[in-house]
N, C-alpha and C. Protein backbone atom coordinates (compact mmCIF):
# COMPACT_ATOMS: atom_id res chain seq x y z
N MET A 1 -14.87 84.38 -4.27
CA MET A 1 -14.04 85.13 -3.40
C MET A 1 -12.66 85.35 -4.02
N PRO A 2 -12.14 86.57 -3.87
CA PRO A 2 -10.82 86.88 -4.51
C PRO A 2 -9.70 86.34 -3.62
N TRP A 3 -8.52 86.07 -4.27
CA TRP A 3 -7.34 85.72 -3.53
C TRP A 3 -6.54 86.96 -3.28
N TYR A 4 -6.47 87.39 -2.03
CA TYR A 4 -5.69 88.54 -1.66
C TYR A 4 -4.25 88.13 -1.44
N VAL A 5 -3.34 89.06 -1.75
CA VAL A 5 -1.90 88.81 -1.52
C VAL A 5 -1.51 89.48 -0.17
N ILE A 6 -1.01 88.67 0.72
CA ILE A 6 -0.73 89.20 2.08
C ILE A 6 0.84 89.22 2.24
N ARG A 7 1.32 90.32 2.75
CA ARG A 7 2.74 90.49 3.07
C ARG A 7 3.04 89.99 4.49
N THR A 8 4.06 89.22 4.65
CA THR A 8 4.47 88.70 5.96
C THR A 8 5.91 89.11 6.28
N LYS A 9 6.25 88.99 7.52
CA LYS A 9 7.63 89.14 7.95
C LYS A 9 8.42 88.08 7.23
N PRO A 10 9.76 88.35 7.02
CA PRO A 10 10.57 87.30 6.39
C PRO A 10 10.58 86.01 7.24
N GLN A 11 10.52 84.92 6.58
CA GLN A 11 10.58 83.56 7.20
C GLN A 11 9.34 83.28 8.07
N HIS A 12 8.24 83.98 7.93
CA HIS A 12 7.00 83.75 8.66
C HIS A 12 5.87 83.26 7.73
N GLU A 13 6.15 83.04 6.47
CA GLU A 13 5.15 82.65 5.51
C GLU A 13 4.38 81.43 5.88
N VAL A 14 5.11 80.34 6.17
CA VAL A 14 4.44 79.07 6.44
C VAL A 14 3.70 79.13 7.83
N LYS A 15 4.31 79.75 8.83
CA LYS A 15 3.70 79.86 10.14
C LYS A 15 2.43 80.67 10.07
N SER A 16 2.51 81.79 9.34
CA SER A 16 1.26 82.65 9.17
C SER A 16 0.17 81.89 8.44
N ALA A 17 0.57 81.11 7.38
CA ALA A 17 -0.46 80.40 6.64
C ALA A 17 -1.11 79.32 7.49
N GLN A 18 -0.28 78.58 8.31
CA GLN A 18 -0.85 77.57 9.20
C GLN A 18 -1.77 78.17 10.21
N PHE A 19 -1.46 79.34 10.75
CA PHE A 19 -2.33 79.99 11.77
C PHE A 19 -3.63 80.40 11.08
N LEU A 20 -3.54 80.95 9.89
CA LEU A 20 -4.78 81.41 9.21
C LEU A 20 -5.68 80.23 8.88
N GLU A 21 -5.07 79.04 8.50
CA GLU A 21 -5.88 77.87 8.29
C GLU A 21 -6.65 77.43 9.51
N LYS A 22 -5.99 77.58 10.66
CA LYS A 22 -6.64 77.27 11.93
C LYS A 22 -7.88 78.16 12.16
N LEU A 23 -7.77 79.42 11.64
CA LEU A 23 -8.86 80.38 11.74
C LEU A 23 -9.97 80.09 10.80
N GLY A 24 -9.73 79.15 9.89
CA GLY A 24 -10.75 78.78 8.87
C GLY A 24 -10.66 79.53 7.57
N VAL A 25 -9.47 80.16 7.31
CA VAL A 25 -9.23 80.93 6.06
C VAL A 25 -8.56 79.95 5.10
N GLU A 26 -9.01 80.01 3.83
CA GLU A 26 -8.41 79.24 2.77
C GLU A 26 -7.10 79.95 2.36
N VAL A 27 -6.00 79.30 2.57
CA VAL A 27 -4.70 79.92 2.34
C VAL A 27 -3.86 79.11 1.37
N PHE A 28 -3.09 79.82 0.58
CA PHE A 28 -2.18 79.15 -0.39
C PHE A 28 -0.76 79.76 -0.11
N CYS A 29 0.16 78.91 0.36
CA CYS A 29 1.52 79.33 0.56
C CYS A 29 2.37 78.37 -0.27
N PRO A 30 2.69 78.69 -1.53
CA PRO A 30 3.46 77.77 -2.38
C PRO A 30 4.89 77.66 -1.85
N VAL A 31 5.28 76.39 -1.77
CA VAL A 31 6.64 76.04 -1.30
C VAL A 31 7.38 75.18 -2.33
N ILE A 32 8.70 75.29 -2.30
CA ILE A 32 9.54 74.45 -3.18
C ILE A 32 10.63 73.82 -2.33
N THR A 33 11.26 72.75 -2.81
CA THR A 33 12.32 72.09 -2.09
C THR A 33 13.63 72.51 -2.78
N GLU A 34 14.56 72.98 -1.96
CA GLU A 34 15.90 73.36 -2.51
C GLU A 34 16.94 72.52 -1.76
N VAL A 35 18.04 72.30 -2.44
CA VAL A 35 19.17 71.68 -1.76
C VAL A 35 20.13 72.77 -1.35
N ARG A 36 20.40 72.78 -0.03
CA ARG A 36 21.29 73.81 0.57
C ARG A 36 22.61 73.15 0.91
N GLN A 37 23.68 73.86 0.65
CA GLN A 37 25.00 73.39 1.00
C GLN A 37 25.58 73.96 2.17
N TRP A 38 25.95 73.15 3.17
CA TRP A 38 26.67 73.55 4.31
C TRP A 38 28.14 73.09 4.18
N SER A 39 28.98 73.49 5.04
CA SER A 39 30.37 73.07 4.95
C SER A 39 30.59 71.57 5.07
N ASP A 40 29.71 70.87 5.80
CA ASP A 40 29.86 69.44 5.99
C ASP A 40 28.83 68.60 5.32
N ARG A 41 27.77 69.19 4.78
CA ARG A 41 26.75 68.38 4.24
C ARG A 41 25.82 69.18 3.28
N LYS A 42 24.98 68.43 2.55
CA LYS A 42 23.90 68.97 1.75
C LYS A 42 22.61 68.61 2.38
N LYS A 43 21.62 69.42 2.32
CA LYS A 43 20.31 69.06 2.93
C LYS A 43 19.17 69.70 2.06
N LYS A 44 18.15 68.91 1.90
CA LYS A 44 16.94 69.45 1.18
C LYS A 44 16.09 70.20 2.24
N VAL A 45 15.75 71.44 1.85
CA VAL A 45 14.92 72.27 2.71
C VAL A 45 13.76 72.76 1.92
N THR A 46 12.59 72.97 2.57
CA THR A 46 11.43 73.45 1.94
C THR A 46 11.36 74.97 2.21
N VAL A 47 11.25 75.75 1.18
CA VAL A 47 11.22 77.27 1.31
C VAL A 47 10.04 77.80 0.47
N PRO A 48 9.49 78.93 0.90
CA PRO A 48 8.34 79.52 0.20
C PRO A 48 8.82 79.93 -1.23
N LEU A 49 7.95 79.79 -2.18
CA LEU A 49 8.22 80.20 -3.60
C LEU A 49 8.33 81.73 -3.65
N PHE A 50 7.43 82.42 -2.98
CA PHE A 50 7.40 83.89 -2.98
C PHE A 50 7.75 84.33 -1.56
N LYS A 51 8.95 84.90 -1.40
CA LYS A 51 9.41 85.31 -0.13
C LYS A 51 8.51 86.45 0.45
N SER A 52 8.06 86.23 1.68
CA SER A 52 7.26 87.25 2.41
C SER A 52 5.88 87.46 1.92
N TYR A 53 5.33 86.47 1.16
CA TYR A 53 3.96 86.60 0.57
C TYR A 53 3.17 85.26 0.76
N VAL A 54 1.91 85.40 1.02
CA VAL A 54 0.98 84.21 1.07
C VAL A 54 -0.29 84.77 0.43
N PHE A 55 -1.15 83.81 -0.05
CA PHE A 55 -2.42 84.18 -0.67
C PHE A 55 -3.49 83.72 0.27
N ALA A 56 -4.55 84.54 0.41
CA ALA A 56 -5.72 84.17 1.23
C ALA A 56 -7.00 84.45 0.43
N ASN A 57 -7.85 83.40 0.42
CA ASN A 57 -9.17 83.51 -0.30
C ASN A 57 -10.18 84.03 0.69
N LEU A 58 -10.54 85.29 0.66
CA LEU A 58 -11.40 85.90 1.66
C LEU A 58 -12.47 86.78 1.00
N LEU A 59 -13.51 86.98 1.80
CA LEU A 59 -14.50 87.98 1.43
C LEU A 59 -13.92 89.31 1.92
N GLU A 60 -14.35 90.39 1.25
CA GLU A 60 -13.86 91.76 1.65
C GLU A 60 -14.16 92.02 3.12
N LYS A 61 -15.30 91.64 3.66
CA LYS A 61 -15.63 91.91 5.07
C LYS A 61 -14.73 91.19 6.06
N ASP A 62 -14.13 90.11 5.60
CA ASP A 62 -13.31 89.25 6.50
C ASP A 62 -11.79 89.57 6.41
N ARG A 63 -11.49 90.56 5.69
CA ARG A 63 -10.05 90.89 5.43
C ARG A 63 -9.24 91.14 6.74
N ASN A 64 -9.85 91.82 7.73
CA ASN A 64 -9.06 92.14 8.97
C ASN A 64 -8.68 90.99 9.77
N MET A 65 -9.37 89.81 9.60
CA MET A 65 -9.02 88.71 10.44
C MET A 65 -7.60 88.17 10.22
N VAL A 66 -7.02 88.51 9.07
CA VAL A 66 -5.66 88.03 8.78
C VAL A 66 -4.58 88.62 9.78
N PHE A 67 -4.93 89.75 10.30
CA PHE A 67 -3.96 90.40 11.24
C PHE A 67 -3.90 89.69 12.62
N GLN A 68 -4.73 88.71 12.83
CA GLN A 68 -4.58 87.91 14.07
C GLN A 68 -3.40 86.97 13.95
N ALA A 69 -3.02 86.62 12.79
CA ALA A 69 -1.89 85.66 12.58
C ALA A 69 -0.52 86.39 12.85
N PRO A 70 0.30 85.68 13.61
CA PRO A 70 1.65 86.25 13.87
C PRO A 70 2.44 86.34 12.53
N GLY A 71 3.15 87.48 12.35
CA GLY A 71 3.93 87.65 11.15
C GLY A 71 3.26 88.32 10.03
N VAL A 72 1.95 88.52 10.04
CA VAL A 72 1.27 89.16 8.92
C VAL A 72 1.48 90.72 9.12
N LEU A 73 1.96 91.35 8.06
CA LEU A 73 2.24 92.78 8.07
C LEU A 73 1.15 93.62 7.44
N SER A 74 0.76 93.26 6.24
CA SER A 74 -0.25 94.05 5.52
C SER A 74 -0.66 93.31 4.27
N PHE A 75 -1.59 93.89 3.55
CA PHE A 75 -2.00 93.40 2.20
C PHE A 75 -1.13 94.10 1.20
N LEU A 76 -0.74 93.41 0.15
CA LEU A 76 0.07 94.01 -0.90
C LEU A 76 -1.00 94.87 -1.71
N ASN A 77 -0.59 96.14 -2.01
CA ASN A 77 -1.45 97.00 -2.79
C ASN A 77 -0.93 97.20 -4.17
N TRP A 78 -1.82 97.37 -5.12
CA TRP A 78 -1.52 97.66 -6.50
C TRP A 78 -2.43 98.75 -6.98
N LEU A 79 -1.83 99.90 -7.27
CA LEU A 79 -2.65 101.07 -7.73
C LEU A 79 -3.62 101.50 -6.64
N GLN A 80 -3.15 101.53 -5.40
CA GLN A 80 -3.87 101.94 -4.21
C GLN A 80 -5.08 101.05 -3.84
N LYS A 81 -5.13 99.84 -4.37
CA LYS A 81 -6.08 98.84 -4.01
C LYS A 81 -5.40 97.53 -3.63
N PRO A 82 -6.03 96.70 -2.83
CA PRO A 82 -5.47 95.46 -2.47
C PRO A 82 -5.22 94.60 -3.72
N ALA A 83 -4.02 94.03 -3.81
CA ALA A 83 -3.69 93.19 -4.94
C ALA A 83 -4.48 91.90 -4.87
N ILE A 84 -4.96 91.47 -5.99
CA ILE A 84 -5.78 90.27 -6.07
C ILE A 84 -5.19 89.38 -7.14
N ALA A 85 -4.95 88.11 -6.79
CA ALA A 85 -4.52 87.15 -7.73
C ALA A 85 -5.76 86.43 -8.28
N LYS A 86 -5.77 86.22 -9.57
CA LYS A 86 -6.94 85.51 -10.19
C LYS A 86 -6.86 84.01 -9.90
N ASP A 87 -8.01 83.38 -9.95
CA ASP A 87 -8.12 81.92 -9.73
C ASP A 87 -7.22 81.16 -10.71
N GLU A 88 -7.17 81.64 -11.95
CA GLU A 88 -6.39 80.98 -12.98
C GLU A 88 -4.92 81.02 -12.63
N GLU A 89 -4.42 82.16 -12.08
CA GLU A 89 -3.04 82.33 -11.73
C GLU A 89 -2.67 81.42 -10.59
N ILE A 90 -3.57 81.32 -9.61
CA ILE A 90 -3.34 80.41 -8.45
C ILE A 90 -3.24 78.97 -8.93
N ASP A 91 -4.24 78.59 -9.81
CA ASP A 91 -4.25 77.28 -10.38
C ASP A 91 -2.97 76.95 -11.18
N ALA A 92 -2.47 77.93 -11.96
CA ALA A 92 -1.29 77.73 -12.72
C ALA A 92 -0.04 77.53 -11.82
N ILE A 93 0.02 78.28 -10.73
CA ILE A 93 1.12 78.08 -9.81
C ILE A 93 1.08 76.69 -9.19
N LYS A 94 -0.12 76.30 -8.79
CA LYS A 94 -0.28 74.91 -8.23
C LYS A 94 0.13 73.90 -9.25
N SER A 95 -0.24 74.09 -10.51
CA SER A 95 0.11 73.10 -11.57
C SER A 95 1.60 73.05 -11.78
N TRP A 96 2.25 74.21 -11.78
CA TRP A 96 3.70 74.25 -11.94
C TRP A 96 4.40 73.52 -10.79
N LEU A 97 3.88 73.69 -9.58
CA LEU A 97 4.54 73.11 -8.42
C LEU A 97 4.37 71.58 -8.43
N LYS A 98 3.34 71.07 -9.12
CA LYS A 98 3.13 69.60 -9.26
C LYS A 98 3.99 69.06 -10.36
N ASN A 99 4.78 69.89 -11.01
CA ASN A 99 5.70 69.52 -12.13
C ASN A 99 4.92 68.94 -13.29
N ASP A 100 3.76 69.42 -13.57
CA ASP A 100 3.03 68.97 -14.71
C ASP A 100 3.81 69.32 -16.02
N ARG A 101 3.84 68.39 -16.90
CA ARG A 101 4.51 68.61 -18.19
C ARG A 101 3.77 69.61 -19.02
N LEU A 102 4.50 70.43 -19.70
CA LEU A 102 3.92 71.44 -20.59
C LEU A 102 3.80 70.75 -21.99
N ASP A 103 2.68 70.77 -22.60
CA ASP A 103 2.47 70.16 -23.89
C ASP A 103 2.35 71.23 -24.95
N ASN A 104 2.68 70.81 -26.18
CA ASN A 104 2.51 71.70 -27.37
C ASN A 104 3.23 73.02 -27.26
N ILE A 105 4.53 72.92 -26.73
CA ILE A 105 5.31 74.11 -26.67
C ILE A 105 6.39 74.09 -27.68
N LYS A 106 6.57 75.24 -28.34
CA LYS A 106 7.61 75.33 -29.36
C LYS A 106 8.46 76.56 -28.98
N VAL A 107 9.78 76.35 -28.87
CA VAL A 107 10.67 77.41 -28.44
C VAL A 107 11.53 77.78 -29.66
N ASN A 108 11.43 79.07 -30.03
CA ASN A 108 12.18 79.52 -31.20
C ASN A 108 13.05 80.77 -30.81
N ARG A 109 14.30 80.57 -30.54
CA ARG A 109 15.24 81.71 -30.25
C ARG A 109 14.60 82.85 -29.48
N LEU A 110 14.09 82.55 -28.34
CA LEU A 110 13.57 83.60 -27.48
C LEU A 110 14.61 84.48 -26.97
N GLN A 111 14.31 85.76 -26.88
CA GLN A 111 15.23 86.79 -26.39
C GLN A 111 14.59 87.51 -25.15
N PRO A 112 15.42 87.93 -24.25
CA PRO A 112 14.90 88.78 -23.14
C PRO A 112 14.28 90.02 -23.72
N GLY A 113 13.10 90.32 -23.12
CA GLY A 113 12.35 91.50 -23.65
C GLY A 113 11.22 91.16 -24.53
N ASP A 114 11.31 89.92 -25.15
CA ASP A 114 10.20 89.50 -26.07
C ASP A 114 8.89 89.30 -25.29
N GLU A 115 7.84 89.74 -25.91
CA GLU A 115 6.51 89.49 -25.30
C GLU A 115 5.95 88.19 -25.89
N VAL A 116 5.45 87.31 -25.02
CA VAL A 116 4.88 86.09 -25.43
C VAL A 116 3.48 86.00 -24.97
N GLU A 117 2.66 85.24 -25.70
CA GLU A 117 1.29 84.98 -25.31
C GLU A 117 1.11 83.52 -25.08
N ILE A 118 0.58 83.13 -23.98
CA ILE A 118 0.28 81.74 -23.70
C ILE A 118 -0.92 81.32 -24.46
N LYS A 119 -0.69 80.23 -25.30
CA LYS A 119 -1.77 79.81 -26.21
C LYS A 119 -2.79 78.86 -25.65
N SER A 120 -2.38 78.04 -24.64
CA SER A 120 -3.36 77.10 -24.13
C SER A 120 -3.10 76.92 -22.61
N GLY A 121 -4.01 76.16 -21.97
CA GLY A 121 -3.87 75.93 -20.58
C GLY A 121 -4.64 76.95 -19.71
N LYS A 122 -4.41 76.92 -18.50
CA LYS A 122 -5.11 77.77 -17.55
C LYS A 122 -4.85 79.29 -17.74
N LEU A 123 -3.70 79.63 -18.31
CA LEU A 123 -3.31 80.97 -18.54
C LEU A 123 -3.46 81.38 -20.04
N ALA A 124 -4.36 80.71 -20.77
CA ALA A 124 -4.50 80.94 -22.19
C ALA A 124 -4.82 82.45 -22.41
N ASN A 125 -4.24 82.98 -23.48
CA ASN A 125 -4.41 84.34 -23.88
C ASN A 125 -3.83 85.38 -22.90
N LYS A 126 -3.02 84.97 -21.95
CA LYS A 126 -2.32 85.88 -21.04
C LYS A 126 -0.94 86.25 -21.64
N LYS A 127 -0.53 87.45 -21.39
CA LYS A 127 0.78 87.84 -21.94
C LYS A 127 1.78 87.88 -20.83
N ALA A 128 3.09 87.58 -21.22
CA ALA A 128 4.18 87.63 -20.31
C ALA A 128 5.40 88.16 -21.10
N VAL A 129 6.36 88.74 -20.33
CA VAL A 129 7.60 89.22 -20.92
C VAL A 129 8.72 88.31 -20.50
N ILE A 130 9.53 87.95 -21.43
CA ILE A 130 10.71 87.08 -21.09
C ILE A 130 11.78 87.95 -20.46
N LYS A 131 12.17 87.46 -19.28
CA LYS A 131 13.20 88.16 -18.47
C LYS A 131 14.57 87.54 -18.84
N GLU A 132 14.66 86.22 -18.77
CA GLU A 132 15.92 85.53 -19.08
C GLU A 132 15.64 84.21 -19.77
N VAL A 133 16.60 83.82 -20.67
CA VAL A 133 16.47 82.52 -21.29
C VAL A 133 17.79 81.78 -20.98
N GLY A 134 17.62 80.63 -20.35
CA GLY A 134 18.80 79.81 -19.99
C GLY A 134 18.64 78.49 -20.74
N ASN A 135 19.66 77.62 -20.49
CA ASN A 135 19.71 76.29 -21.11
C ASN A 135 18.58 75.45 -20.60
N LYS A 136 18.22 75.55 -19.39
CA LYS A 136 17.20 74.67 -18.78
C LYS A 136 16.02 75.42 -18.21
N LYS A 137 16.09 76.74 -18.09
CA LYS A 137 14.99 77.52 -17.51
C LYS A 137 14.72 78.70 -18.29
N LEU A 138 13.48 79.11 -18.16
CA LEU A 138 12.97 80.35 -18.82
C LEU A 138 12.31 81.20 -17.73
N LYS A 139 12.74 82.45 -17.58
CA LYS A 139 12.14 83.31 -16.56
C LYS A 139 11.13 84.27 -17.30
N LEU A 140 9.90 84.26 -16.80
CA LEU A 140 8.87 85.08 -17.34
C LEU A 140 8.34 86.10 -16.38
N ILE A 141 7.95 87.22 -16.79
CA ILE A 141 7.33 88.23 -15.95
C ILE A 141 5.86 88.28 -16.30
N LEU A 142 4.95 87.91 -15.31
CA LEU A 142 3.56 87.99 -15.55
C LEU A 142 3.18 89.44 -15.23
N THR A 143 2.79 90.17 -16.33
CA THR A 143 2.60 91.62 -16.22
C THR A 143 1.43 91.92 -15.32
N ASP A 144 0.45 91.04 -15.21
CA ASP A 144 -0.73 91.36 -14.35
C ASP A 144 -0.32 91.46 -12.91
N LEU A 145 0.59 90.63 -12.44
CA LEU A 145 1.03 90.58 -11.06
C LEU A 145 2.36 91.29 -10.87
N GLY A 146 3.08 91.40 -11.94
CA GLY A 146 4.46 92.03 -11.78
C GLY A 146 5.44 91.06 -11.08
N TRP A 147 5.22 89.73 -11.19
CA TRP A 147 6.14 88.73 -10.59
C TRP A 147 6.91 88.01 -11.64
N THR A 148 8.08 87.55 -11.31
CA THR A 148 8.88 86.74 -12.15
C THR A 148 8.71 85.25 -11.81
N LEU A 149 8.44 84.44 -12.81
CA LEU A 149 8.26 83.02 -12.59
C LEU A 149 9.29 82.26 -13.44
N THR A 150 9.78 81.15 -12.93
CA THR A 150 10.77 80.38 -13.63
C THR A 150 10.13 79.12 -14.06
N ALA A 151 10.30 78.71 -15.36
CA ALA A 151 9.70 77.48 -15.85
C ALA A 151 10.89 76.64 -16.36
N ASN A 152 10.87 75.38 -16.00
CA ASN A 152 11.90 74.44 -16.48
C ASN A 152 11.55 74.08 -17.90
N ILE A 153 12.54 74.17 -18.84
CA ILE A 153 12.31 73.89 -20.23
C ILE A 153 13.17 72.72 -20.71
N GLN A 154 13.83 72.04 -19.81
CA GLN A 154 14.69 70.89 -20.16
C GLN A 154 13.98 69.78 -20.82
N ASP A 155 12.71 69.49 -20.50
CA ASP A 155 11.99 68.42 -21.08
C ASP A 155 11.10 68.87 -22.27
N LEU A 156 11.20 70.06 -22.67
CA LEU A 156 10.32 70.53 -23.77
C LEU A 156 10.98 70.13 -25.10
N VAL A 157 10.10 69.86 -26.07
CA VAL A 157 10.59 69.51 -27.38
C VAL A 157 10.34 70.64 -28.36
């Protein structure tokens, strides 16, 4: 079954995903923990990794059931077809969220605009374009999805 990309109203990602799970749909709503600063305190909050998007593993014939969930707007389309995320891409996002260490990585003066090929792991032989290179983070554009991902590089050798 393919992973469809579903567009939601802003700040409805988690609620929509929970409702879809109750309907029996396999849903993936990646979340991260951020530290937010208020005038009197700091607080850790859980926020969606992709604002206004969730992933649903569905058969083509079951696609309309997602509209029963509050906050679901539509399917994301790519070239007039519903956007589909590959299993390897979903697995890679899950792996990154678990903070798995990246092994056998060598960084040599990477520049924005450089095209890189991932040599091993779940996204082996996939190409990405470097958007930004920072001291501790590297932003990549996965050309297949058109999304920007940030990888921590502080622990890389």
